[in-house]
Amino acid sequence: MSDAVLDKQVKKQKTRKSKIDPEIGVSLSWKTLKAQKQLIFMSVPIALYLIIFNYVPIWGWLMAFQNYRPAVSFGQQEWVGLQQFKFLFSDDTFMLVLRNTIAMSFINLVLGTVTAIGLALLLNEIKLKFFKRAVQSISYLPHFLSMVIAAGIVSTSLSIDGGIVNVVLMKLHLIKDPIMWLSEGKYFWGIIGAANVWKEVGWGTIIYLAAITSIDPSLYEAASIDGAKRFQKMRYITLPGIKATFVILLIMNIGHILDAGFELQYLLGNGLTVDYSQTIDIFVVKYGLAMGNYSLATAAGIFKTIVSVILVFIANNVAKRLGEERLL
């Protein structure tokens, strides 16, 4: 077939597409909506929830640019521009809070990811189903405890008066006298990291176990035929098989790098560890509710949100450039 004939056919197809009535597309879309009306009605409550609790409160961000006073109407508020942000970044307390937040988030991210993947790999190797299910159930039960109960358990375990941690360490002759774990700031970040691992490791393991089950079993069979051992299968089959899941979760967790937590730090912290226990969330509550400085608290919240969004986009673009899975 000559090039001239091909050009004619291409032109005919373009002409036909241009003659299609645009109303057909509209009618098809309405037809699709009508066919899926049950799903649309089911999504309405979720959409309303997101609008009311996630988008409407954004109106309150205007307080960050005002010297907000609750008893004064919106039109009479004093506008101060970026004054609150300038004070925020020049405040030594906020810099200390930012350091604590990033440090605890990084510890939680590393420990949580490593322990979840490690436990998933070990559980995947267990062939006795009853034992495997029992261990998995025990490991994720703490996830359903409230933070108040979890903080109480951690506080009791670290107590100098019969706390299980001090008792075990003294029985093993690792320490001579009980240690006041919650009264020394140098231990606080490690305590928060260990507490988060204990509470969330089982829940995080579920995701990686689900990713492992999607790996083709024939890969393990072929590896066994080639003489591969268990750890070799983990290294060359299991870990590459869950890499996509790991990257997606990592991108999402990077977006929460300024979300180190509130409940555990607030409940376990005290005056002796205040330089290590305060996070941005506690800073917002302290200035917003305790001191009534709503504008400064709102500015801190805006900073946290904007940085989180920027980090997600950066991590997503880095994953895209490296050829890995990504959110968008």
Protein backbone atom coordinates (compact mmCIF):
# COMPACT_ATOMS: atom_id res chain seq x y z
CA MET A 1 0.00 0.00 0.00
CA SER A 2 1.45 3.37 -1.06
CA ASP A 3 2.04 6.33 1.22
CA ALA A 4 -0.57 8.36 -0.64
CA VAL A 5 -3.29 5.79 0.09
CA LEU A 6 -2.31 5.67 3.76
CA ASP A 7 -2.49 9.46 4.01
CA LYS A 8 -6.01 9.41 2.51
CA GLN A 9 -7.20 6.82 5.02
CA VAL A 10 -5.79 8.80 7.95
CA LYS A 11 -7.52 11.95 6.72
CA LYS A 12 -10.85 10.06 6.40
CA GLN A 13 -10.59 8.82 9.97
CA LYS A 14 -9.85 12.33 11.27
CA THR A 15 -12.82 13.68 9.28
CA ARG A 16 -15.11 11.05 10.77
CA LYS A 17 -13.97 11.86 14.31
CA SER A 18 -14.56 15.56 13.72
CA LYS A 19 -18.12 14.88 12.60
CA ILE A 20 -19.09 13.06 15.78
CA ASP A 21 -21.80 14.96 17.61
CA PRO A 22 -20.36 16.30 20.90
CA GLU A 23 -23.74 15.71 22.53
CA ILE A 24 -23.14 11.96 22.27
CA GLY A 25 -20.38 12.25 24.84
CA VAL A 26 -22.67 14.18 27.19
CA SER A 27 -25.48 11.67 26.82
CA LEU A 28 -23.09 8.79 27.44
CA SER A 29 -21.73 10.41 30.59
CA TRP A 30 -25.23 11.03 31.97
CA LYS A 31 -26.12 7.46 31.09
CA THR A 32 -23.09 6.22 33.01
CA LEU A 33 -23.99 8.35 36.01
CA LYS A 34 -27.54 7.05 35.95
CA ALA A 35 -26.31 3.46 35.80
CA GLN A 36 -24.03 4.04 38.81
CA LYS A 37 -26.44 6.15 40.87
CA GLN A 38 -26.29 3.71 43.80
CA LEU A 39 -22.52 4.14 44.06
CA ILE A 40 -22.88 7.92 43.76
CA PHE A 41 -25.47 8.04 46.57
CA MET A 42 -23.17 5.89 48.74
CA SER A 43 -20.28 8.32 48.19
CA VAL A 44 -22.31 11.42 49.14
CA PRO A 45 -21.83 11.03 52.94
CA ILE A 46 -18.08 10.58 52.50
CA ALA A 47 -17.89 13.62 50.21
CA LEU A 48 -19.85 15.71 52.74
CA TYR A 49 -17.59 14.51 55.55
CA LEU A 50 -14.47 15.55 53.62
CA ILE A 51 -15.94 18.95 52.72
CA ILE A 52 -17.15 19.75 56.24
CA PHE A 53 -14.14 18.51 58.23
CA ASN A 54 -11.27 18.85 55.73
CA TYR A 55 -12.04 21.86 53.53
CA VAL A 56 -14.36 24.17 55.46
CA PRO A 57 -11.84 24.52 58.36
CA ILE A 58 -9.28 25.94 55.89
CA TRP A 59 -11.19 29.21 56.35
CA GLY A 60 -9.59 29.35 59.80
CA TRP A 61 -6.14 29.70 58.22
CA LEU A 62 -6.86 33.41 57.90
CA MET A 63 -6.21 33.71 61.64
CA ALA A 64 -2.49 33.18 60.94
CA PHE A 65 -2.42 36.56 59.16
CA GLN A 66 -4.30 38.38 61.90
CA ASN A 67 -3.82 39.33 65.50
CA TYR A 68 -6.90 37.28 66.19
CA ARG A 69 -9.15 38.13 69.12
CA PRO A 70 -12.17 35.84 69.72
CA ALA A 71 -14.51 38.62 70.93
CA VAL A 72 -14.03 40.76 67.81
CA SER A 73 -15.91 40.24 64.53
CA PHE A 74 -14.02 39.12 61.43
CA GLY A 75 -14.19 42.53 59.77
CA GLN A 76 -12.66 44.25 62.80
CA GLN A 77 -9.70 41.89 63.22
CA GLU A 78 -6.23 43.41 62.98
CA TRP A 79 -4.33 42.13 59.93
CA VAL A 80 -0.60 41.66 60.58
CA GLY A 81 0.55 39.87 57.40
CA LEU A 82 3.42 37.45 57.94
CA GLN A 83 4.25 38.71 61.41
CA GLN A 84 3.20 35.45 63.08
CA PHE A 85 5.40 33.39 60.75
CA LYS A 86 8.39 35.69 61.36
CA PHE A 87 7.97 35.32 65.11
CA LEU A 88 7.55 31.56 64.70
CA PHE A 89 10.85 31.04 62.88
CA SER A 90 12.73 33.37 65.21
CA ASP A 91 11.43 31.61 68.34
CA ASP A 92 13.98 29.28 69.95
CA THR A 93 11.20 27.18 71.45
CA PHE A 94 9.73 26.43 68.04
CA MET A 95 13.14 25.46 66.66
CA LEU A 96 13.53 23.05 69.59
CA VAL A 97 10.05 21.66 68.96
CA LEU A 98 10.85 21.25 65.25
CA ARG A 99 14.02 19.33 66.13
CA ASN A 100 12.10 17.00 68.46
CA THR A 101 9.37 16.39 65.90
CA ILE A 102 11.76 15.51 63.07
CA ALA A 103 13.92 13.31 65.31
CA MET A 104 11.00 11.30 66.71
CA SER A 105 9.35 10.99 63.28
CA PHE A 106 12.58 9.69 61.77
CA ILE A 107 13.02 7.17 64.60
CA ASN A 108 9.41 6.00 64.25
CA LEU A 109 9.76 5.73 60.46
CA VAL A 110 12.97 3.69 60.53
CA LEU A 111 12.04 1.41 63.44
CA GLY A 112 8.46 0.95 62.26
CA THR A 113 9.44 0.04 58.69
CA VAL A 114 12.32 -2.27 59.61
CA THR A 115 10.38 -4.16 62.30
CA ALA A 116 7.24 -4.50 60.16
CA ILE A 117 9.18 -5.91 57.19
CA GLY A 118 11.26 -8.15 59.46
CA LEU A 119 8.22 -9.58 61.24
CA ALA A 120 6.42 -10.11 57.91
CA LEU A 121 9.41 -12.03 56.53
CA LEU A 122 9.60 -14.22 59.62
CA LEU A 123 5.87 -14.91 59.70
CA ASN A 124 5.95 -15.81 56.03
CA GLU A 125 8.48 -18.54 56.78
CA ILE A 126 6.32 -20.15 59.49
CA LYS A 127 4.54 -23.21 58.10
CA LEU A 128 2.43 -24.01 61.18
CA LYS A 129 -0.74 -22.00 60.47
CA PHE A 130 -2.06 -21.99 64.05
CA PHE A 131 1.17 -20.61 65.48
CA LYS A 132 1.46 -18.08 62.65
CA ARG A 133 -2.07 -16.77 63.21
CA ALA A 134 -1.56 -16.63 66.97
CA VAL A 135 1.63 -14.58 66.66
CA GLN A 136 0.04 -12.27 64.11
CA SER A 137 -3.04 -11.71 66.28
CA ILE A 138 -0.97 -11.01 69.39
CA SER A 139 1.27 -8.59 67.51
CA TYR A 140 -1.51 -6.37 66.14
CA LEU A 141 -3.80 -6.37 69.20
CA PRO A 142 -1.99 -3.35 70.77
CA HIS A 143 -3.04 -1.31 67.73
CA PHE A 144 -6.61 -1.30 69.05
CA LEU A 145 -5.63 0.08 72.46
CA SER A 146 -6.23 3.76 73.02
CA MET A 147 -3.18 5.96 73.46
CA VAL A 148 -4.16 6.63 77.07
CA ILE A 149 -4.07 2.92 77.90
CA ALA A 150 -0.87 2.44 75.88
CA ALA A 151 0.81 5.33 77.72
CA GLY A 152 -0.29 3.85 81.04
CA ILE A 153 1.22 0.47 80.17
CA VAL A 154 4.49 2.08 79.06
CA SER A 155 4.65 4.24 82.20
CA THR A 156 4.01 1.24 84.46
CA SER A 157 6.58 -0.89 82.63
CA LEU A 158 9.26 1.80 83.06
CA SER A 159 8.43 2.57 86.69
CA ILE A 160 11.27 2.44 89.23
CA ASP A 161 8.88 0.76 91.68
CA GLY A 162 8.51 -2.75 90.27
CA GLY A 163 8.52 -1.81 86.59
CA ILE A 164 9.18 -4.88 84.44
CA VAL A 165 11.97 -3.19 82.45
CA ASN A 166 14.02 -2.30 85.52
CA VAL A 167 13.32 -5.68 87.13
CA VAL A 168 14.52 -7.62 84.07
CA LEU A 169 17.62 -5.47 83.62
CA MET A 170 18.54 -5.88 87.30
CA LYS A 171 17.98 -9.65 87.14
CA LEU A 172 20.36 -9.79 84.16
CA HIS A 173 22.86 -7.66 86.12
CA LEU A 174 22.91 -5.01 83.40
CA ILE A 175 22.10 -2.26 85.91
CA LYS A 176 22.58 -2.03 89.66
CA ASP A 177 19.83 0.43 90.55
CA PRO A 178 16.48 1.22 88.88
CA ILE A 179 16.64 3.89 86.20
CA MET A 180 14.14 6.76 86.10
CA TRP A 181 13.45 6.33 82.38
CA LEU A 182 10.75 8.99 82.12
CA SER A 183 12.69 11.60 84.07
CA GLU A 184 15.71 11.87 81.77
CA GLY A 185 15.37 13.49 78.38
CA LYS A 186 18.10 11.42 76.73
CA TYR A 187 15.90 8.32 76.96
CA PHE A 188 12.67 9.91 75.76
CA TRP A 189 13.08 9.53 71.97
CA GLY A 190 14.04 5.89 72.33
CA ILE A 191 11.05 5.23 74.60
CA ILE A 192 8.66 6.79 72.07
CA GLY A 193 10.21 4.77 69.24
CA ALA A 194 9.96 1.49 71.17
CA ALA A 195 6.39 2.25 72.27
CA ASN A 196 5.30 2.96 68.70
CA VAL A 197 6.92 -0.28 67.49
CA TRP A 198 5.14 -2.27 70.18
CA LYS A 199 1.81 -0.67 69.34
CA GLU A 200 1.92 -0.58 65.53
CA VAL A 201 4.32 -3.26 64.29
CA GLY A 202 1.61 -5.92 63.95
CA TRP A 203 -0.68 -3.59 62.03
CA GLY A 204 2.10 -2.61 59.63
CA THR A 205 3.01 -6.25 59.14
CA ILE A 206 -0.43 -6.99 57.68
CA ILE A 207 0.28 -4.79 54.66
CA TYR A 208 3.62 -6.44 53.90
CA LEU A 209 2.18 -9.93 54.40
CA ALA A 210 -0.53 -9.08 51.86
CA ALA A 211 2.18 -7.93 49.44
CA ILE A 212 4.13 -11.17 49.98
CA THR A 213 1.09 -13.30 49.17
CA SER A 214 0.91 -11.66 45.73
CA ILE A 215 4.36 -13.00 44.77
CA ASP A 216 4.25 -15.87 42.28
CA PRO A 217 4.90 -19.17 44.19
CA SER A 218 6.66 -20.59 41.13
CA LEU A 219 9.55 -18.22 41.84
CA TYR A 220 10.15 -19.92 45.19
CA GLU A 221 9.85 -23.35 43.59
CA ALA A 222 12.41 -22.45 40.94
CA ALA A 223 14.74 -21.06 43.59
CA SER A 224 14.42 -24.27 45.64
CA ILE A 225 15.32 -26.33 42.59
CA ASP A 226 18.40 -24.14 42.10
CA GLY A 227 19.41 -24.81 45.72
CA ALA A 228 18.53 -21.44 47.23
CA LYS A 229 18.27 -21.31 51.03
CA ARG A 230 15.60 -19.46 53.01
CA PHE A 231 17.56 -16.26 53.48
CA GLN A 232 18.52 -16.26 49.81
CA LYS A 233 14.84 -16.52 48.87
CA MET A 234 14.08 -13.62 51.19
CA ARG A 235 16.83 -11.50 49.68
CA TYR A 236 16.31 -12.23 45.98
CA ILE A 237 12.55 -12.95 45.78
CA THR A 238 10.57 -11.68 48.78
CA LEU A 239 12.25 -8.31 49.29
CA PRO A 240 12.16 -7.34 45.56
CA GLY A 241 8.55 -8.54 45.47
CA ILE A 242 7.44 -6.11 48.19
CA LYS A 243 9.59 -3.22 46.98
CA ALA A 244 6.66 -1.44 45.30
CA THR A 245 4.61 -1.59 48.51
CA PHE A 246 7.59 -0.35 50.51
CA VAL A 247 8.11 2.65 48.19
CA ILE A 248 4.43 3.67 48.29
CA LEU A 249 4.31 3.46 52.09
CA LEU A 250 7.61 5.33 52.34
CA ILE A 251 6.28 8.20 50.23
CA MET A 252 3.17 8.41 52.39
CA ASN A 253 5.18 8.26 55.62
CA ILE A 254 7.55 10.99 54.42
CA GLY A 255 4.48 13.22 54.14
CA HIS A 256 3.93 12.65 57.87
CA ILE A 257 7.50 13.46 58.88
CA LEU A 258 6.22 16.45 60.90
CA ASP A 259 3.51 14.33 62.47
CA ALA A 260 5.52 12.64 65.21
CA GLY A 261 2.47 12.23 67.39
CA PHE A 262 0.70 13.98 70.22
CA GLU A 263 -0.85 11.58 72.73
CA LEU A 264 2.19 9.56 73.78
CA GLN A 265 4.45 12.62 73.99
CA TYR A 266 1.83 14.59 75.90
CA LEU A 267 1.03 11.77 78.34
CA LEU A 268 4.58 10.54 78.95
CA GLY A 269 6.27 13.94 78.92
CA ASN A 270 6.86 16.05 82.01
CA GLY A 271 8.77 19.10 83.13
CA LEU A 272 12.06 17.19 83.29
CA THR A 273 11.84 16.03 79.66
CA VAL A 274 10.08 19.03 78.14
CA ASP A 275 13.09 19.87 75.93
CA TYR A 276 12.79 16.45 74.29
CA SER A 277 9.08 15.65 74.45
CA GLN A 278 7.37 18.67 72.87
CA THR A 279 6.22 18.26 69.26
CA ILE A 280 4.55 20.71 66.87
CA ASP A 281 1.13 19.37 67.84
CA ILE A 282 1.82 20.00 71.52
CA PHE A 283 3.18 23.46 70.62
CA VAL A 284 -0.08 24.26 68.79
CA VAL A 285 -2.20 23.13 71.75
CA LYS A 286 -0.01 25.00 74.21
CA TYR A 287 -0.15 28.33 72.40
CA GLY A 288 -3.64 27.93 70.92
CA LEU A 289 -5.59 26.73 73.96
CA ALA A 290 -3.45 27.31 77.05
CA MET A 291 -2.16 30.78 76.08
CA GLY A 292 -4.96 31.85 73.74
CA ASN A 293 -2.56 32.80 70.93
CA TYR A 294 -4.69 31.33 68.15
CA SER A 295 -2.84 33.16 65.38
CA LEU A 296 0.57 31.73 66.28
CA ALA A 297 -0.87 28.23 66.71
CA THR A 298 -2.56 28.47 63.30
CA ALA A 299 0.70 29.62 61.69
CA ALA A 300 2.47 26.57 63.12
CA GLY A 301 -0.27 24.31 61.78
CA ILE A 302 -0.02 25.89 58.31
CA PHE A 303 3.74 25.41 58.30
CA LYS A 304 3.32 21.74 59.17
CA THR A 305 0.72 21.18 56.44
CA ILE A 306 2.65 22.97 53.68
CA VAL A 307 5.91 21.18 54.48
CA SER A 308 4.11 17.81 54.49
CA VAL A 309 2.58 18.43 51.05
CA ILE A 310 5.94 19.58 49.63
CA LEU A 311 7.71 16.50 51.01
CA VAL A 312 5.12 14.18 49.44
CA PHE A 313 5.58 15.79 46.02
CA ILE A 314 9.38 15.67 46.32
CA ALA A 315 9.38 12.01 47.37
CA ASN A 316 6.93 11.17 44.59
CA ASN A 317 9.08 12.88 41.94
CA VAL A 318 12.23 11.20 43.22
CA ALA A 319 10.51 7.81 42.98
CA LYS A 320 9.38 8.68 39.44
CA ARG A 321 12.92 9.59 38.37
CA LEU A 322 14.26 6.37 39.86
CA GLY A 323 11.63 4.35 37.98
CA GLU A 324 9.88 3.15 41.13
CA GLU A 325 6.19 3.00 42.01
CA ARG A 326 4.65 6.33 42.95
CA LEU A 327 1.38 7.84 44.12
CA LEU A 328 0.70 9.94 41.01
